[in-house]
N, C-alpha and C. Protein backbone atom coordinates (compact mmCIF):
# COMPACT_ATOMS: atom_id res chain seq x y z
N MET A 1 -60.44 -110.22 25.84
CA MET A 1 -60.07 -109.09 26.66
C MET A 1 -61.23 -108.09 26.72
N ILE A 2 -61.53 -107.60 27.83
CA ILE A 2 -62.67 -106.68 28.03
C ILE A 2 -62.22 -105.28 27.68
N SER A 3 -63.02 -104.56 26.85
CA SER A 3 -62.67 -103.20 26.44
C SER A 3 -62.81 -102.24 27.67
N LYS A 4 -62.19 -101.04 27.54
CA LYS A 4 -62.36 -100.01 28.53
C LYS A 4 -63.79 -99.59 28.67
N PHE A 5 -64.51 -99.52 27.56
CA PHE A 5 -65.91 -99.14 27.58
C PHE A 5 -66.73 -100.13 28.41
N ALA A 6 -66.52 -101.43 28.19
CA ALA A 6 -67.30 -102.42 28.93
C ALA A 6 -66.93 -102.36 30.41
N THR A 7 -65.66 -102.19 30.73
CA THR A 7 -65.23 -102.12 32.12
C THR A 7 -65.91 -100.88 32.81
N ARG A 8 -65.89 -99.79 32.09
CA ARG A 8 -66.54 -98.57 32.70
C ARG A 8 -68.06 -98.75 32.88
N LEU A 9 -68.64 -99.39 31.83
CA LEU A 9 -70.09 -99.63 31.96
C LEU A 9 -70.45 -100.57 33.14
N VAL A 10 -69.68 -101.60 33.31
CA VAL A 10 -69.88 -102.46 34.51
C VAL A 10 -69.66 -101.72 35.79
N PHE A 11 -68.64 -100.90 35.87
CA PHE A 11 -68.37 -100.14 37.02
C PHE A 11 -69.53 -99.12 37.34
N LEU A 12 -70.04 -98.51 36.28
CA LEU A 12 -71.14 -97.54 36.46
C LEU A 12 -72.40 -98.28 36.94
N VAL A 13 -72.71 -99.47 36.38
CA VAL A 13 -73.84 -100.21 36.80
C VAL A 13 -73.72 -100.66 38.28
N LEU A 14 -72.55 -101.13 38.66
CA LEU A 14 -72.31 -101.48 40.08
C LEU A 14 -72.43 -100.25 40.99
N LEU A 15 -71.91 -99.16 40.55
CA LEU A 15 -72.00 -97.93 41.34
C LEU A 15 -73.46 -97.52 41.63
N VAL A 16 -74.18 -97.52 40.57
CA VAL A 16 -75.68 -97.21 40.69
C VAL A 16 -76.37 -98.19 41.62
N ALA A 17 -76.06 -99.45 41.42
CA ALA A 17 -76.75 -100.49 42.23
C ALA A 17 -76.38 -100.32 43.70
N VAL A 18 -75.11 -100.11 44.01
CA VAL A 18 -74.72 -99.88 45.43
C VAL A 18 -75.30 -98.59 45.98
N THR A 19 -75.28 -97.51 45.22
CA THR A 19 -75.84 -96.25 45.67
C THR A 19 -77.34 -96.43 45.98
N ASN A 20 -78.12 -96.99 45.03
CA ASN A 20 -79.51 -97.21 45.29
C ASN A 20 -79.76 -98.15 46.42
N GLY A 21 -79.01 -99.21 46.52
CA GLY A 21 -79.12 -100.15 47.64
C GLY A 21 -78.90 -99.45 48.98
N CYS A 22 -77.87 -98.64 49.01
CA CYS A 22 -77.58 -97.92 50.29
C CYS A 22 -78.74 -96.92 50.66
N SER A 23 -79.28 -96.25 49.64
CA SER A 23 -80.33 -95.31 50.03
C SER A 23 -81.57 -96.08 50.50
N VAL A 24 -81.82 -97.25 49.96
CA VAL A 24 -82.95 -98.03 50.45
C VAL A 24 -82.72 -98.50 51.84
N LEU A 25 -81.45 -98.94 52.13
CA LEU A 25 -81.13 -99.40 53.49
C LEU A 25 -81.25 -98.27 54.48
N ARG A 26 -80.82 -97.10 54.15
CA ARG A 26 -80.85 -95.92 55.05
C ARG A 26 -82.32 -95.56 55.34
N ARG A 27 -83.13 -95.72 54.34
CA ARG A 27 -84.51 -95.27 54.45
C ARG A 27 -85.33 -96.17 55.38
N GLY A 28 -85.02 -97.45 55.40
CA GLY A 28 -85.75 -98.39 56.22
C GLY A 28 -87.02 -98.81 55.47
N ASP A 29 -87.95 -99.44 56.21
CA ASP A 29 -89.18 -99.91 55.64
C ASP A 29 -90.20 -98.73 55.62
N PRO A 30 -90.50 -98.24 54.42
CA PRO A 30 -91.40 -97.09 54.38
C PRO A 30 -92.84 -97.45 54.81
N PHE A 31 -93.16 -98.71 54.90
CA PHE A 31 -94.53 -99.10 55.26
C PHE A 31 -94.66 -99.46 56.66
N ALA A 32 -93.65 -99.28 57.50
CA ALA A 32 -93.69 -99.57 58.88
C ALA A 32 -94.85 -98.85 59.60
N ASN A 33 -95.01 -97.52 59.28
CA ASN A 33 -96.05 -96.74 59.93
C ASN A 33 -97.09 -96.27 58.92
N ALA A 34 -97.33 -97.02 57.94
CA ALA A 34 -98.24 -96.59 56.86
C ALA A 34 -99.70 -96.76 57.30
N THR A 35 -100.55 -95.93 56.66
CA THR A 35 -101.96 -96.08 56.86
C THR A 35 -102.50 -97.07 55.83
N SER A 36 -103.50 -97.83 56.16
CA SER A 36 -104.00 -98.91 55.29
C SER A 36 -105.53 -98.85 55.15
N GLN A 37 -106.00 -99.36 54.04
CA GLN A 37 -107.40 -99.49 53.80
C GLN A 37 -107.62 -100.85 53.17
N LEU A 38 -108.68 -101.56 53.63
CA LEU A 38 -109.01 -102.87 53.09
C LEU A 38 -110.13 -102.78 52.01
N GLY A 39 -110.02 -103.71 51.05
CA GLY A 39 -111.02 -103.76 50.04
C GLY A 39 -111.11 -105.20 49.45
N ARG A 40 -112.00 -105.31 48.48
CA ARG A 40 -112.05 -106.58 47.70
C ARG A 40 -111.73 -106.25 46.29
N ALA A 41 -111.00 -107.18 45.66
CA ALA A 41 -110.54 -106.93 44.28
C ALA A 41 -110.85 -108.10 43.43
N LYS A 42 -111.23 -107.79 42.20
CA LYS A 42 -111.45 -108.76 41.14
C LYS A 42 -110.42 -108.39 40.05
N ILE A 43 -109.46 -109.38 39.85
CA ILE A 43 -108.34 -109.16 38.88
C ILE A 43 -108.49 -110.10 37.71
N GLN A 44 -108.44 -109.56 36.59
CA GLN A 44 -108.47 -110.33 35.36
C GLN A 44 -107.20 -110.04 34.51
N ILE A 45 -106.46 -111.11 34.31
CA ILE A 45 -105.25 -111.03 33.48
C ILE A 45 -105.40 -112.12 32.41
N GLY A 46 -105.56 -111.65 31.20
CA GLY A 46 -105.87 -112.61 30.09
C GLY A 46 -107.21 -113.27 30.39
N ASP A 47 -107.27 -114.59 30.39
CA ASP A 47 -108.50 -115.35 30.61
C ASP A 47 -108.67 -115.73 32.10
N THR A 48 -107.71 -115.39 32.95
CA THR A 48 -107.76 -115.78 34.35
C THR A 48 -108.35 -114.66 35.22
N VAL A 49 -109.33 -115.07 36.02
CA VAL A 49 -109.95 -114.08 36.91
C VAL A 49 -109.75 -114.57 38.38
N THR A 50 -109.36 -113.65 39.23
CA THR A 50 -109.09 -113.94 40.63
C THR A 50 -109.82 -112.93 41.47
N ILE A 51 -110.43 -113.41 42.51
CA ILE A 51 -111.08 -112.54 43.52
C ILE A 51 -110.20 -112.64 44.80
N ALA A 52 -109.85 -111.42 45.34
CA ALA A 52 -108.92 -111.46 46.49
C ALA A 52 -109.25 -110.29 47.38
N ASP A 53 -108.73 -110.38 48.64
CA ASP A 53 -108.73 -109.25 49.55
C ASP A 53 -107.59 -108.36 49.16
N ALA A 54 -107.82 -107.08 49.24
CA ALA A 54 -106.80 -106.05 48.84
C ALA A 54 -106.44 -105.20 50.05
N VAL A 55 -105.19 -104.99 50.24
CA VAL A 55 -104.78 -104.09 51.32
C VAL A 55 -103.96 -102.98 50.61
N PHE A 56 -104.48 -101.79 50.72
CA PHE A 56 -103.85 -100.56 50.17
C PHE A 56 -103.17 -99.84 51.29
N SER A 57 -101.87 -99.57 51.18
CA SER A 57 -101.08 -98.94 52.22
C SER A 57 -100.35 -97.73 51.66
N LYS A 58 -100.32 -96.59 52.43
CA LYS A 58 -99.75 -95.34 52.02
C LYS A 58 -98.81 -94.85 53.12
N SER A 59 -97.56 -94.67 52.76
CA SER A 59 -96.58 -94.18 53.75
C SER A 59 -96.62 -92.70 53.79
N VAL A 60 -96.03 -92.13 54.84
CA VAL A 60 -95.94 -90.67 54.98
C VAL A 60 -94.98 -90.08 53.98
N GLN A 61 -94.07 -90.88 53.44
CA GLN A 61 -93.12 -90.44 52.39
C GLN A 61 -93.74 -90.46 51.00
N GLY A 62 -94.94 -91.01 50.85
CA GLY A 62 -95.59 -91.00 49.56
C GLY A 62 -95.55 -92.39 48.80
N ASP A 63 -94.94 -93.36 49.42
CA ASP A 63 -94.88 -94.70 48.85
C ASP A 63 -96.28 -95.34 48.97
N VAL A 64 -96.63 -96.18 47.95
CA VAL A 64 -97.93 -96.88 48.05
C VAL A 64 -97.67 -98.32 47.75
N MET A 65 -98.34 -99.24 48.49
CA MET A 65 -98.29 -100.61 48.21
C MET A 65 -99.70 -101.19 48.24
N VAL A 66 -99.95 -102.03 47.18
CA VAL A 66 -101.24 -102.75 47.12
C VAL A 66 -100.86 -104.22 47.16
N SER A 67 -101.40 -104.97 48.09
CA SER A 67 -101.14 -106.38 48.21
C SER A 67 -102.47 -107.14 48.11
N LEU A 68 -102.47 -108.15 47.32
CA LEU A 68 -103.68 -109.02 47.14
C LEU A 68 -103.51 -110.30 47.85
N TYR A 69 -104.50 -110.74 48.62
CA TYR A 69 -104.39 -111.95 49.42
C TYR A 69 -105.60 -112.84 49.13
N LYS A 70 -105.38 -114.08 49.18
CA LYS A 70 -106.49 -115.11 49.25
C LYS A 70 -106.23 -115.91 50.49
N GLY A 71 -106.92 -115.53 51.54
CA GLY A 71 -106.66 -116.16 52.82
C GLY A 71 -105.41 -115.56 53.47
N LEU A 72 -104.57 -116.38 54.00
CA LEU A 72 -103.36 -115.98 54.78
C LEU A 72 -102.24 -115.60 53.81
N PRO A 73 -101.22 -114.88 54.32
CA PRO A 73 -100.04 -114.56 53.54
C PRO A 73 -99.37 -115.87 53.11
N PRO A 74 -98.60 -115.85 52.10
CA PRO A 74 -98.08 -114.74 51.39
C PRO A 74 -99.06 -114.14 50.43
N ALA A 75 -98.79 -112.91 49.99
CA ALA A 75 -99.64 -112.18 49.05
C ALA A 75 -99.63 -112.90 47.64
N LEU A 76 -100.76 -112.90 46.95
CA LEU A 76 -100.81 -113.35 45.56
C LEU A 76 -100.04 -112.44 44.68
N ALA A 77 -100.16 -111.12 44.94
CA ALA A 77 -99.44 -110.13 44.16
C ALA A 77 -99.30 -108.88 44.95
N THR A 78 -98.21 -108.19 44.75
CA THR A 78 -97.91 -106.91 45.41
C THR A 78 -97.37 -105.92 44.33
N VAL A 79 -97.93 -104.73 44.42
CA VAL A 79 -97.40 -103.64 43.58
C VAL A 79 -97.03 -102.49 44.47
N LYS A 80 -95.93 -101.84 44.14
CA LYS A 80 -95.45 -100.69 44.91
C LYS A 80 -95.13 -99.53 43.99
N LEU A 81 -95.60 -98.35 44.38
CA LEU A 81 -95.29 -97.13 43.67
C LEU A 81 -94.46 -96.23 44.59
N TYR A 82 -93.46 -95.57 44.02
CA TYR A 82 -92.59 -94.76 44.78
C TYR A 82 -92.67 -93.35 44.26
N PRO A 83 -92.46 -92.31 45.09
CA PRO A 83 -92.59 -90.95 44.67
C PRO A 83 -91.66 -90.55 43.53
N ASP A 84 -90.58 -91.25 43.34
CA ASP A 84 -89.65 -90.90 42.26
C ASP A 84 -90.05 -91.47 40.92
N GLY A 85 -91.26 -92.04 40.83
CA GLY A 85 -91.73 -92.56 39.52
C GLY A 85 -91.41 -94.00 39.27
N MET A 86 -90.72 -94.66 40.22
CA MET A 86 -90.41 -96.09 40.08
C MET A 86 -91.54 -96.90 40.57
N ALA A 87 -91.64 -98.16 40.11
CA ALA A 87 -92.64 -99.04 40.55
C ALA A 87 -92.11 -100.47 40.52
N SER A 88 -92.79 -101.39 41.28
CA SER A 88 -92.41 -102.75 41.24
C SER A 88 -93.69 -103.59 41.32
N PHE A 89 -93.59 -104.83 40.78
CA PHE A 89 -94.71 -105.74 40.70
C PHE A 89 -94.17 -107.12 40.95
N GLU A 90 -94.87 -107.84 41.80
CA GLU A 90 -94.48 -109.26 41.98
C GLU A 90 -95.75 -110.07 42.27
N GLY A 91 -95.97 -111.04 41.45
CA GLY A 91 -97.15 -111.95 41.66
C GLY A 91 -97.65 -112.53 40.33
N PHE A 92 -98.49 -113.50 40.44
CA PHE A 92 -99.04 -114.21 39.26
C PHE A 92 -97.96 -114.70 38.35
N GLY A 93 -96.85 -115.12 38.94
CA GLY A 93 -95.74 -115.68 38.18
C GLY A 93 -94.84 -114.70 37.46
N LYS A 94 -95.05 -113.38 37.79
CA LYS A 94 -94.29 -112.32 37.13
C LYS A 94 -93.65 -111.39 38.15
N THR A 95 -92.49 -110.87 37.76
CA THR A 95 -91.79 -109.88 38.56
C THR A 95 -91.31 -108.78 37.63
N TRP A 96 -91.47 -107.53 38.12
CA TRP A 96 -91.03 -106.39 37.31
C TRP A 96 -90.65 -105.24 38.19
N LEU A 97 -89.59 -104.50 37.82
CA LEU A 97 -89.14 -103.28 38.56
C LEU A 97 -88.66 -102.33 37.53
N GLY A 98 -89.13 -101.03 37.60
CA GLY A 98 -88.65 -100.06 36.66
C GLY A 98 -89.51 -98.81 36.74
N PRO A 99 -89.26 -97.87 35.83
CA PRO A 99 -90.07 -96.66 35.78
C PRO A 99 -91.55 -97.02 35.47
N ARG A 100 -92.44 -96.39 36.22
CA ARG A 100 -93.85 -96.69 36.09
C ARG A 100 -94.37 -96.55 34.64
N ILE A 101 -93.87 -95.60 33.94
CA ILE A 101 -94.37 -95.35 32.57
C ILE A 101 -93.91 -96.46 31.61
N LEU A 102 -93.02 -97.33 32.01
CA LEU A 102 -92.57 -98.41 31.17
C LEU A 102 -93.11 -99.77 31.63
N ALA A 103 -94.06 -99.75 32.50
CA ALA A 103 -94.67 -101.02 32.99
C ALA A 103 -95.31 -101.83 31.91
N PRO A 104 -95.14 -103.18 31.94
CA PRO A 104 -95.81 -104.02 30.96
C PRO A 104 -97.34 -103.96 31.09
N ALA A 105 -98.01 -103.99 29.96
CA ALA A 105 -99.46 -103.80 29.87
C ALA A 105 -100.25 -104.57 30.95
N PRO A 106 -100.00 -105.85 31.22
CA PRO A 106 -100.82 -106.60 32.21
C PRO A 106 -100.72 -106.00 33.61
N MET A 107 -99.65 -105.29 33.92
CA MET A 107 -99.46 -104.67 35.27
C MET A 107 -100.07 -103.31 35.42
N VAL A 108 -100.35 -102.60 34.28
CA VAL A 108 -100.80 -101.26 34.28
C VAL A 108 -102.08 -101.06 35.21
N PRO A 109 -103.16 -101.91 35.08
CA PRO A 109 -104.29 -101.67 35.92
C PRO A 109 -104.01 -101.66 37.40
N MET A 110 -103.16 -102.56 37.92
CA MET A 110 -102.87 -102.54 39.32
C MET A 110 -102.04 -101.28 39.72
N LEU A 111 -101.11 -100.85 38.82
CA LEU A 111 -100.36 -99.62 39.09
C LEU A 111 -101.29 -98.40 39.12
N GLU A 112 -102.28 -98.38 38.12
CA GLU A 112 -103.22 -97.25 38.10
C GLU A 112 -104.09 -97.21 39.35
N ALA A 113 -104.52 -98.40 39.79
CA ALA A 113 -105.37 -98.50 40.99
C ALA A 113 -104.59 -97.98 42.22
N ALA A 114 -103.33 -98.30 42.29
CA ALA A 114 -102.46 -97.78 43.39
C ALA A 114 -102.37 -96.30 43.25
N SER A 115 -102.23 -95.77 42.07
CA SER A 115 -102.08 -94.34 41.86
C SER A 115 -103.39 -93.62 42.23
N LEU A 116 -104.53 -94.20 41.98
CA LEU A 116 -105.80 -93.63 42.39
C LEU A 116 -105.93 -93.55 43.87
N TYR A 117 -105.41 -94.56 44.57
CA TYR A 117 -105.41 -94.50 46.03
C TYR A 117 -104.58 -93.36 46.56
N VAL A 118 -103.49 -93.09 45.91
CA VAL A 118 -102.61 -91.98 46.38
C VAL A 118 -103.37 -90.64 46.25
N THR A 119 -104.05 -90.49 45.15
CA THR A 119 -104.66 -89.21 44.88
C THR A 119 -106.17 -89.08 45.18
N GLU A 120 -106.69 -90.06 45.94
CA GLU A 120 -108.12 -90.13 46.17
C GLU A 120 -108.74 -88.89 46.72
N SER A 121 -108.02 -88.18 47.65
CA SER A 121 -108.54 -86.92 48.22
C SER A 121 -108.72 -85.79 47.19
N SER A 122 -107.97 -85.87 46.04
CA SER A 122 -108.08 -84.83 45.08
C SER A 122 -109.06 -85.25 43.91
N LEU A 123 -109.55 -86.41 43.92
CA LEU A 123 -110.50 -86.85 42.90
C LEU A 123 -111.88 -86.16 43.13
N PRO A 124 -112.55 -85.93 42.09
CA PRO A 124 -113.90 -85.27 42.23
C PRO A 124 -114.88 -86.29 42.84
N ASN A 125 -115.79 -85.81 43.68
CA ASN A 125 -116.83 -86.69 44.27
C ASN A 125 -117.77 -87.13 43.14
N GLY A 126 -118.34 -88.30 43.34
CA GLY A 126 -119.28 -88.86 42.37
C GLY A 126 -118.64 -89.91 41.49
N LYS A 127 -119.39 -90.35 40.47
CA LYS A 127 -118.91 -91.36 39.56
C LYS A 127 -118.36 -90.68 38.28
N HIS A 128 -117.14 -91.13 37.95
CA HIS A 128 -116.49 -90.54 36.78
C HIS A 128 -115.75 -91.62 35.95
N THR A 129 -115.62 -91.35 34.68
CA THR A 129 -114.89 -92.16 33.77
C THR A 129 -113.73 -91.38 33.20
N ILE A 130 -112.51 -91.93 33.21
CA ILE A 130 -111.32 -91.30 32.64
C ILE A 130 -110.82 -92.23 31.60
N LEU A 131 -110.60 -91.71 30.38
CA LEU A 131 -110.02 -92.48 29.31
C LEU A 131 -108.63 -91.98 29.00
N THR A 132 -107.67 -92.86 28.97
CA THR A 132 -106.30 -92.54 28.55
C THR A 132 -105.95 -93.35 27.32
N SER A 133 -104.77 -93.17 26.80
CA SER A 133 -104.39 -93.91 25.61
C SER A 133 -104.32 -95.43 25.87
N SER A 134 -104.08 -95.78 27.13
CA SER A 134 -103.90 -97.19 27.45
C SER A 134 -104.93 -97.78 28.40
N SER A 135 -105.71 -96.92 29.10
CA SER A 135 -106.64 -97.40 30.11
C SER A 135 -108.03 -96.76 30.12
N ARG A 136 -108.93 -97.48 30.68
CA ARG A 136 -110.26 -96.92 30.98
C ARG A 136 -110.43 -97.00 32.46
N ILE A 137 -110.69 -95.86 33.16
CA ILE A 137 -110.72 -95.83 34.59
C ILE A 137 -112.09 -95.32 35.02
N GLU A 138 -112.79 -96.04 35.88
CA GLU A 138 -114.06 -95.62 36.41
C GLU A 138 -113.89 -95.53 37.95
N THR A 139 -114.28 -94.41 38.48
CA THR A 139 -114.11 -94.15 39.90
C THR A 139 -115.48 -93.73 40.51
N ASP A 140 -115.67 -94.07 41.79
CA ASP A 140 -116.77 -93.62 42.61
C ASP A 140 -116.17 -93.09 43.91
N VAL A 141 -116.28 -91.83 44.08
CA VAL A 141 -115.63 -91.15 45.20
C VAL A 141 -116.70 -90.47 46.08
N VAL A 142 -116.63 -90.71 47.37
CA VAL A 142 -117.56 -90.08 48.31
C VAL A 142 -116.76 -89.37 49.41
N LYS A 143 -116.94 -88.13 49.56
CA LYS A 143 -116.29 -87.30 50.55
C LYS A 143 -114.74 -87.50 50.50
N GLY A 144 -114.20 -87.48 49.33
CA GLY A 144 -112.74 -87.56 49.15
C GLY A 144 -112.17 -88.95 49.35
N ARG A 145 -113.02 -89.97 49.42
CA ARG A 145 -112.53 -91.34 49.59
C ARG A 145 -113.05 -92.20 48.46
N LEU A 146 -112.19 -93.04 47.94
CA LEU A 146 -112.60 -94.00 46.91
C LEU A 146 -113.55 -94.99 47.47
N ARG A 147 -114.66 -95.24 46.88
CA ARG A 147 -115.57 -96.30 47.25
C ARG A 147 -115.39 -97.54 46.30
N SER A 148 -115.13 -97.20 45.05
CA SER A 148 -114.84 -98.27 44.09
C SER A 148 -114.04 -97.68 42.92
N ALA A 149 -113.35 -98.59 42.24
CA ALA A 149 -112.58 -98.18 41.06
C ALA A 149 -112.49 -99.40 40.18
N VAL A 150 -112.55 -99.15 38.86
CA VAL A 150 -112.27 -100.16 37.83
C VAL A 150 -111.24 -99.59 36.88
N VAL A 151 -110.20 -100.34 36.71
CA VAL A 151 -109.14 -99.93 35.75
C VAL A 151 -108.96 -101.06 34.81
N ALA A 152 -109.12 -100.77 33.51
CA ALA A 152 -108.92 -101.80 32.47
C ALA A 152 -108.04 -101.27 31.33
N ASN A 153 -107.24 -102.19 30.80
CA ASN A 153 -106.49 -101.82 29.62
C ASN A 153 -107.49 -101.62 28.49
N THR A 154 -107.23 -100.70 27.61
CA THR A 154 -108.15 -100.43 26.48
C THR A 154 -108.32 -101.68 25.56
N ASP A 155 -107.33 -102.50 25.55
CA ASP A 155 -107.47 -103.75 24.72
C ASP A 155 -108.14 -104.87 25.42
N GLY A 156 -108.54 -104.69 26.67
CA GLY A 156 -109.25 -105.68 27.45
C GLY A 156 -108.43 -106.82 27.96
N SER A 157 -107.06 -106.68 27.87
CA SER A 157 -106.25 -107.83 28.30
C SER A 157 -106.11 -107.98 29.82
N SER A 158 -106.29 -106.90 30.56
CA SER A 158 -106.21 -107.06 31.97
C SER A 158 -107.10 -105.93 32.63
N GLN A 159 -107.55 -106.21 33.85
CA GLN A 159 -108.47 -105.28 34.53
C GLN A 159 -108.40 -105.56 36.01
N ILE A 160 -108.63 -104.57 36.83
CA ILE A 160 -108.82 -104.74 38.26
C ILE A 160 -110.00 -103.89 38.66
N GLU A 161 -110.91 -104.54 39.52
CA GLU A 161 -112.05 -103.88 40.02
C GLU A 161 -111.94 -103.94 41.51
N ILE A 162 -112.07 -102.80 42.16
CA ILE A 162 -111.86 -102.68 43.66
C ILE A 162 -113.09 -102.06 44.28
N LYS A 163 -113.51 -102.66 45.42
CA LYS A 163 -114.58 -102.07 46.20
C LYS A 163 -114.09 -101.92 47.64
N PHE A 164 -114.18 -100.70 48.15
CA PHE A 164 -113.71 -100.46 49.51
C PHE A 164 -114.93 -100.47 50.49
């Protein structure tokens, strides 16, 4: 027999799922009219290194999507950042969805690269290095536009290098 607590918990989870699903459906595709920028990316996860074309897209609502391609679609990997702090990752045999601050370590460099793209106009011009507790970030910004960025986990387990 299922307890009242378990029943309420299941109901709450379903209510949240339906509410979030409906808001996504009402919103439509945020990337339908997004601006995009092309670049080349070198991604290292563990001992595996991949070079790919990168498409950075930014919607007017503040959503950001980075897709990595080797030739034609489908994408090798796609990361999305949302203004509410949520993020998703799909690719390289992994899928993840949740609050950005809880992202698994191998996905952090791609999420940070997407975040740099969002804030590129506020980054200082020139070459800079930013150290956080989990990442080392190197940027080269010219006239408010990213020209290159390298984001690496401090333990060296994963890295992304992008040139625009």
